[in-house]
Every structure is written in C-alpha cells, then in structure tokens.
C-alpha cells in the first residue's frame, strides 16, 4: 500500500515537467500567430494600400485579440493618438517586454500616415519579431526535453524515496 502513496508526488513531478514543456509550446504558438497576423497587416497596408482601420478589419483573427481591441479603440476614439490606443491594450501573459516593445513599434509604424515610413518601420519590426520567434523556438527545442526529463527523473526519485 506504500507504493500507492508514493505514486501521487511522483505523478505530480511528471505533470509539472509536462506542464513546463507545454508552456514553451504555447508561447511559440502565440508568437507564430502574431507573426502571421503581422504579415497579414503588413500586406494589407503596404501591398493593398488599405488604411489602418480597413487593414485591421480585414486581418482580425481569434488568436490575436489585441487586433480586435485596437480596431475597437480606433473606432471608439478616432481623435486619440496611436500611443494611447496601444497603451490601452491588454497583452497576453507569455509575451516578454521585448516582444511587447516590438509589437508597439510595429503598430506605431502601421498607423503612420506616411507610406514610406510605414513600410520601413513595419519591415524592421517584422525582422525583429522573426528573431524573437527564432529565439523562442530554440528555447523550446532545448528546454522542453529538459523539463520532461527532469519531471520523470524527480518523479522516479520521489517514488523510490517514499517506497
């Protein structure tokens, strides 16, 4: 019967390791969704020549609710500045301050009335975003296996200790 009570903490360790690996996967998935949304916005603004609100309206997706929020803010407060719209957005927890800074720079460029500055700024922000995405993918590849292994090893150690 002792093995049964040893199983609970061992299982908790295994689940904690799996949870860590899943958080890394979720973070990369979020960054990939943002990358696709930024590509659509850049294409709509630069290639199609749409205005900011029209481009946002065309590109709103369920995976990036900040685009919906930004569009609603632009429609509700058309006289406000882009900085005030962006500061009113709620960000997902997994985004780092660097990633929020890149997104803010992208949206400031996106909302620029000057097409050349808009194109250049969005291109630069997309390049920085792809670098951040690559770093997150490398971290996922390196650490997901480590989290799983540590979960299994610590679970096995606790099981042996309590039996």
Foldseek 3Di string as FASTA:
>chain_A
DLLVVLQVVLVVLLVQLQVVLVVLVVLLVLLVVVLVLLVQLLCCCQVVVDALLVSLVVRDDPSCCQSVQLNVCCVVCVPDDLVVSLVPGDDDPSDDPVLSVLVSQLSNLSNDPDNVSSNVSSVVSSVVSVVVSVVSVVCSVVCSVVSNVSSNVVSVVSSVVRD
